């Protein structure tokens, strides 16, 4: 499995698809800052999306905007329209009240969000605050377009299994957003540049596939065909962390998953993720998460 797939699989992304937005101008919705990564795709009509600093994106039909870090933003038919808070808009819709139904142009929009648990998650930390994906011409963008159309179809008519279908489609949409972003952006450093670098991507895959192995700088460098010094410097530049730091972080990520999905005792989990000493595992786990492994398991089980 490739490095990105392994990371996404371990992340356990929570996805939510909103009900289809159908508004007639004038209309406007204000979204507060939160911990979710939101996306909006304009199906028909026109709209603009703005950030508090004054940046405005004029959307065209088929455009998709992704806001990775949960930044406050607004979406409206035009910048001067009166806007209501998203919570107020949602409440009115649930009550069956057509809050925006004027005499102007109709806009149809689909949207939703992804939750990663950590604001500065590895998948997000190198992304800009807002991404616009347009001109659905390449293979990745075409797949993104097709996925968005399938989401629209599920939202337009509820069918058996729609909730599960929407969740799966949203996750596919996320992968295609990342693929399209990789294709249209130039990356000099950061996790996404690492994915496009064959030796470093291979190193990430080695660590993620076998976190319990006794990896050393020398053994990883030899596996990817680089000298230790070249590998170390290249890995640190692209990933933003040393190989040993990334290995430790991945071991803790893998340990969290085992803690929550198995009945293995702490010593067994320590060995699975590369620690021969339970005491060392407890110490490192607590330094990274603020909890001992046992306390982490107890706390998460009550959520």
Protein backbone atom coordinates (compact mmCIF):
# COMPACT_ATOMS: atom_id res chain seq x y z
CA UNK A 1 0.00 0.00 0.00
CA UNK A 2 1.31 3.50 -0.79
CA UNK A 3 2.28 5.94 1.96
CA UNK A 4 -0.74 8.23 1.51
CA UNK A 5 -3.21 5.31 1.63
CA UNK A 6 -1.61 3.94 4.79
CA UNK A 7 -1.76 7.34 6.47
CA UNK A 8 -5.40 7.93 5.49
CA UNK A 9 -6.37 4.44 6.64
CA UNK A 10 -4.74 4.98 10.03
CA UNK A 11 -6.27 8.44 10.43
CA UNK A 12 -9.88 7.20 10.60
CA UNK A 13 -11.26 10.32 8.93
CA UNK A 14 -14.79 11.24 9.96
CA UNK A 15 -16.77 12.62 7.03
CA UNK A 16 -20.06 14.51 6.97
CA UNK A 17 -22.03 15.46 3.86
CA UNK A 18 -24.43 18.38 4.28
CA UNK A 19 -27.88 18.47 2.77
CA UNK A 20 -27.89 20.02 -0.68
CA UNK A 21 -28.01 23.83 -0.55
CA UNK A 22 -30.60 25.39 -2.87
CA UNK A 23 -30.84 29.17 -2.47
CA UNK A 24 -32.23 32.04 -4.51
CA UNK A 25 -30.40 35.37 -4.45
CA UNK A 26 -29.88 37.35 -2.40
CA UNK A 27 -28.38 34.93 0.14
CA UNK A 28 -25.32 34.54 2.35
CA UNK A 29 -24.03 32.14 5.02
CA UNK A 30 -21.33 32.87 7.60
CA UNK A 31 -19.28 29.85 8.77
CA UNK A 32 -17.38 30.20 12.05
CA UNK A 33 -13.88 28.85 12.60
CA UNK A 34 -13.83 25.24 13.80
CA UNK A 35 -11.71 22.06 13.75
CA UNK A 36 -13.22 20.63 10.57
CA UNK A 37 -11.91 20.74 7.01
CA UNK A 38 -14.79 22.01 4.88
CA UNK A 39 -15.48 21.82 1.17
CA UNK A 40 -18.02 23.45 -1.14
CA UNK A 41 -18.76 22.62 -4.76
CA UNK A 42 -20.92 24.82 -6.97
CA UNK A 43 -23.28 22.66 -9.01
CA UNK A 44 -25.18 25.41 -10.79
CA UNK A 45 -25.64 29.16 -10.62
CA UNK A 46 -22.96 31.38 -9.14
CA UNK A 47 -21.53 32.25 -5.75
CA UNK A 48 -18.52 33.74 -4.01
CA UNK A 49 -16.53 32.51 -1.02
CA UNK A 50 -14.66 34.94 1.21
CA UNK A 51 -12.23 34.92 4.13
CA UNK A 52 -12.08 37.43 7.01
CA UNK A 53 -8.96 39.10 5.55
CA UNK A 54 -10.93 40.16 2.48
CA UNK A 55 -9.81 37.45 0.05
CA UNK A 56 -12.69 36.53 -2.27
CA UNK A 57 -13.02 33.60 -4.66
CA UNK A 58 -15.54 33.89 -7.48
CA UNK A 59 -16.86 30.38 -8.06
CA UNK A 60 -17.76 29.00 -11.45
CA UNK A 61 -20.02 26.00 -12.01
CA UNK A 62 -18.00 22.87 -11.25
CA UNK A 63 -15.47 24.64 -9.01
CA UNK A 64 -14.63 23.12 -5.64
CA UNK A 65 -13.15 25.00 -2.70
CA UNK A 66 -11.46 23.12 0.16
CA UNK A 67 -10.72 24.84 3.49
CA UNK A 68 -8.33 22.42 5.26
CA UNK A 69 -7.81 24.20 8.58
CA UNK A 70 -11.38 25.12 9.47
CA UNK A 71 -10.85 28.84 8.83
CA UNK A 72 -13.80 31.15 9.27
CA UNK A 73 -15.33 32.00 5.90
CA UNK A 74 -18.55 32.98 4.20
CA UNK A 75 -20.39 31.85 1.08
CA UNK A 76 -22.98 34.00 -0.73
CA UNK A 77 -24.42 34.95 -4.09
CA UNK A 78 -22.28 38.12 -3.95
CA UNK A 79 -19.97 39.83 -1.49
CA UNK A 80 -22.46 42.56 -0.53
CA UNK A 81 -25.37 40.26 0.39
CA UNK A 82 -26.50 40.05 4.00
CA UNK A 83 -25.24 36.85 5.63
CA UNK A 84 -26.64 34.75 8.47
CA UNK A 85 -24.66 32.41 10.75
CA UNK A 86 -24.47 28.81 9.51
CA UNK A 87 -26.16 27.53 12.68
CA UNK A 88 -29.15 29.82 12.09
CA UNK A 89 -29.37 28.75 8.45
CA UNK A 90 -29.25 25.05 9.41
CA UNK A 91 -31.90 25.50 12.10
CA UNK A 92 -34.25 27.18 9.64
CA UNK A 93 -33.76 24.45 7.05
CA UNK A 94 -34.47 21.71 9.60
CA UNK A 95 -37.68 23.52 10.51
CA UNK A 96 -38.67 23.65 6.85
CA UNK A 97 -38.35 27.44 6.62
CA UNK A 98 -37.05 28.68 3.22
CA UNK A 99 -34.69 31.31 4.62
CA UNK A 100 -33.23 32.32 1.23
CA UNK A 101 -35.84 32.32 -1.49
CA UNK A 102 -35.71 35.66 -3.26
CA UNK A 103 -36.31 36.60 -6.87
CA UNK A 104 -32.72 36.24 -8.01
CA UNK A 105 -30.67 33.45 -9.56
CA UNK A 106 -30.87 29.98 -8.05
CA UNK A 107 -27.63 28.40 -6.81
CA UNK A 108 -27.21 24.70 -6.01
CA UNK A 109 -24.24 23.75 -3.85
CA UNK A 110 -23.05 20.58 -2.17
CA UNK A 111 -20.72 20.67 0.80
CA UNK A 112 -19.51 18.86 3.86
CA UNK A 113 -16.57 18.47 6.17
CA UNK A 114 -13.88 16.07 7.32
CA UNK A 115 -12.69 15.72 10.91
CA UNK A 116 -9.16 14.53 11.65
CA UNK A 117 -9.03 14.94 15.42
CA UNK A 118 -5.89 17.07 15.25
CA UNK A 119 -5.88 20.61 13.85
CA UNK A 120 -2.27 20.23 12.67
CA UNK A 121 -2.61 16.70 11.32
CA UNK A 122 0.20 15.53 9.02
CA UNK A 123 -2.24 15.42 6.09
CA UNK A 124 -3.17 19.06 6.63
CA UNK A 125 -0.19 20.91 8.08
CA UNK A 126 1.44 21.77 4.74
CA UNK A 127 -1.78 22.72 2.95
CA UNK A 128 -2.65 26.37 2.34
CA UNK A 129 -5.64 27.82 4.18
CA UNK A 130 -7.86 27.57 1.09
CA UNK A 131 -7.62 25.48 -2.09
CA UNK A 132 -9.60 26.07 -5.26
CA UNK A 133 -9.86 23.22 -7.75
CA UNK A 134 -11.19 24.16 -11.16
CA UNK A 135 -10.99 23.20 -14.83
CA UNK A 136 -11.94 19.53 -14.54
CA UNK A 137 -9.72 18.35 -17.37
CA UNK A 138 -7.18 15.92 -15.89
CA UNK A 139 -7.94 12.36 -14.78
CA UNK A 140 -7.89 13.22 -11.06
CA UNK A 141 -10.13 16.25 -11.53
CA UNK A 142 -12.49 14.23 -13.71
CA UNK A 143 -12.81 11.61 -10.95
CA UNK A 144 -13.44 14.39 -8.44
CA UNK A 145 -16.20 15.74 -10.68
CA UNK A 146 -17.78 12.29 -11.06
CA UNK A 147 -17.66 11.67 -7.31
CA UNK A 148 -19.32 15.03 -6.64
CA UNK A 149 -22.08 14.13 -9.11
CA UNK A 150 -22.67 10.82 -7.31
CA UNK A 151 -22.95 12.69 -3.99
CA UNK A 152 -25.49 15.02 -5.58
CA UNK A 153 -27.49 12.04 -6.84
CA UNK A 154 -27.59 10.48 -3.36
CA UNK A 155 -28.64 13.79 -1.81
CA UNK A 156 -31.37 14.38 -4.39
CA UNK A 157 -33.23 11.18 -3.60
CA UNK A 158 -32.72 9.18 -0.42
CA UNK A 159 -32.26 5.50 -1.16
CA UNK A 160 -31.54 2.43 0.97
CA UNK A 161 -27.98 2.69 2.30
CA UNK A 162 -27.63 6.38 1.40
CA UNK A 163 -25.88 7.30 4.66
CA UNK A 164 -23.16 4.69 4.13
CA UNK A 165 -22.88 5.56 0.46
CA UNK A 166 -22.41 9.26 1.22
CA UNK A 167 -19.71 8.53 3.81
CA UNK A 168 -17.77 6.38 1.33
CA UNK A 169 -18.19 8.91 -1.48
CA UNK A 170 -17.00 11.74 0.78
CA UNK A 171 -13.81 9.82 1.58
CA UNK A 172 -13.24 9.20 -2.14
CA UNK A 173 -13.84 12.91 -2.71
CA UNK A 174 -11.15 13.77 -0.15
CA UNK A 175 -8.57 11.56 -1.86
CA UNK A 176 -9.39 13.13 -5.21
CA UNK A 177 -9.11 16.63 -3.72
CA UNK A 178 -5.60 15.74 -2.54
CA UNK A 179 -4.72 14.16 -5.91
CA UNK A 180 -5.96 17.19 -7.83
CA UNK A 181 -4.09 19.52 -5.45
CA UNK A 182 -0.88 17.53 -5.92
CA UNK A 183 -1.33 17.79 -9.65
CA UNK A 184 -1.95 21.52 -9.83
CA UNK A 185 0.43 22.81 -7.13
CA UNK A 186 4.23 23.07 -6.99
CA UNK A 187 5.66 21.61 -3.78
CA UNK A 188 9.23 22.35 -2.77
CA UNK A 189 9.00 20.98 0.76
CA UNK A 190 6.43 19.37 3.04
CA UNK A 191 4.67 16.03 3.29
CA UNK A 192 3.14 16.22 -0.19
CA UNK A 193 6.50 16.88 -1.80
CA UNK A 194 7.76 13.81 0.07
CA UNK A 195 5.03 11.69 -1.52
CA UNK A 196 6.29 12.72 -4.96
CA UNK A 197 9.94 11.89 -4.13
CA UNK A 198 10.52 8.18 -4.88
CA UNK A 199 13.19 7.38 -2.21
CA UNK A 200 11.51 9.37 0.56
CA UNK A 201 8.06 8.03 -0.31
CA UNK A 202 9.52 4.53 -0.15
CA UNK A 203 11.04 5.31 3.26
CA UNK A 204 7.65 6.51 4.55
CA UNK A 205 6.07 3.30 3.29
CA UNK A 206 8.75 1.14 4.97
CA UNK A 207 8.16 2.83 8.32
CA UNK A 208 4.37 2.75 8.03
CA UNK A 209 4.23 -0.88 6.92
CA UNK A 210 6.53 -2.17 9.69
CA UNK A 211 6.64 0.23 12.66
CA UNK A 212 7.73 -2.61 14.96
CA UNK A 213 10.93 -3.29 13.06
CA UNK A 214 14.23 -2.14 14.58
CA UNK A 215 14.82 0.57 12.02
CA UNK A 216 18.02 2.59 12.02
CA UNK A 217 19.06 5.52 9.89
CA UNK A 218 21.49 3.21 8.10
CA UNK A 219 18.97 0.42 7.41
CA UNK A 220 16.33 2.77 5.98
CA UNK A 221 18.88 4.65 3.87
CA UNK A 222 20.18 1.37 2.43
CA UNK A 223 16.64 0.25 1.61
CA UNK A 224 15.96 3.39 -0.42
CA UNK A 225 19.38 3.50 -2.08
CA UNK A 226 20.80 6.64 -0.48
CA UNK A 227 23.73 7.38 1.79
CA UNK A 228 22.88 8.10 5.42
CA UNK A 229 23.71 11.80 5.21
CA UNK A 230 21.86 12.37 1.92
CA UNK A 231 18.84 10.43 3.16
CA UNK A 232 18.73 12.21 6.53
CA UNK A 233 18.93 15.70 5.00
CA UNK A 234 16.46 14.95 2.21
CA UNK A 235 13.95 13.31 4.55
CA UNK A 236 14.11 16.17 7.05
CA UNK A 237 13.77 18.81 4.33
CA UNK A 238 10.77 17.19 2.66
CA UNK A 239 8.90 15.65 5.60
CA UNK A 240 9.70 18.39 8.10
CA UNK A 241 10.94 15.92 10.72
CA UNK A 242 13.92 13.63 11.16
CA UNK A 243 13.48 9.94 10.29
CA UNK A 244 13.65 8.98 13.97
CA UNK A 245 11.00 11.55 14.93
CA UNK A 246 8.70 10.38 12.15
CA UNK A 247 9.26 6.75 13.18
CA UNK A 248 8.34 7.55 16.78
CA UNK A 249 5.25 9.52 15.76
CA UNK A 250 4.09 6.71 13.48
CA UNK A 251 4.66 4.12 16.20
CA UNK A 252 2.46 6.14 18.56
CA UNK A 253 -0.20 6.55 15.85
CA UNK A 254 -0.19 2.79 15.26
CA UNK A 255 -0.26 2.12 19.01
CA UNK A 256 -3.36 4.31 19.40
CA UNK A 257 -5.16 2.25 16.77
CA UNK A 258 -4.24 -1.05 18.45
CA UNK A 259 -5.27 0.29 21.87
CA UNK A 260 -8.72 1.17 20.56
CA UNK A 261 -9.35 -1.85 18.35
CA UNK A 262 -7.90 -4.78 20.32
CA UNK A 263 -7.69 -6.34 23.75
CA UNK A 264 -3.92 -6.68 23.60
CA UNK A 265 -2.20 -5.83 26.86
CA UNK A 266 0.19 -2.88 27.02
CA UNK A 267 3.33 -5.01 26.86
CA UNK A 268 2.10 -6.78 23.70
CA UNK A 269 1.30 -3.44 22.07
CA UNK A 270 4.72 -2.07 23.03
CA UNK A 271 6.39 -4.98 21.23
CA UNK A 272 4.14 -4.61 18.17
CA UNK A 273 5.24 -1.01 17.67
CA UNK A 274 8.94 -1.54 18.30
CA UNK A 275 9.50 -1.10 22.04
CA UNK A 276 11.08 -3.94 23.98
CA UNK A 277 10.43 -2.17 27.29
CA UNK A 278 6.90 -1.42 28.45
CA UNK A 279 8.31 1.36 30.65
CA UNK A 280 9.95 3.06 27.64
CA UNK A 281 6.73 2.72 25.63
CA UNK A 282 4.69 4.26 28.49
CA UNK A 283 7.12 7.15 28.80
CA UNK A 284 7.22 7.98 25.08
CA UNK A 285 3.47 7.51 24.62
CA UNK A 286 2.73 9.90 27.48
CA UNK A 287 5.22 12.49 26.15
CA UNK A 288 3.40 12.45 22.80
CA UNK A 289 -0.23 12.26 23.94
CA UNK A 290 -0.34 13.45 27.54
CA UNK A 291 -1.70 10.05 28.64
CA UNK A 292 -0.27 6.69 29.50
CA UNK A 293 -1.43 3.96 27.07
CA UNK A 294 -3.82 2.54 29.68
CA UNK A 295 -5.32 5.97 30.45
CA UNK A 296 -5.67 6.72 26.71
CA UNK A 297 -7.60 3.47 26.22
CA UNK A 298 -9.90 4.21 29.18
CA UNK A 299 -10.59 7.82 28.15
CA UNK A 300 -11.35 6.98 24.51
CA UNK A 301 -13.68 4.12 25.44
CA UNK A 302 -16.03 6.58 27.17
CA UNK A 303 -16.30 8.97 24.21
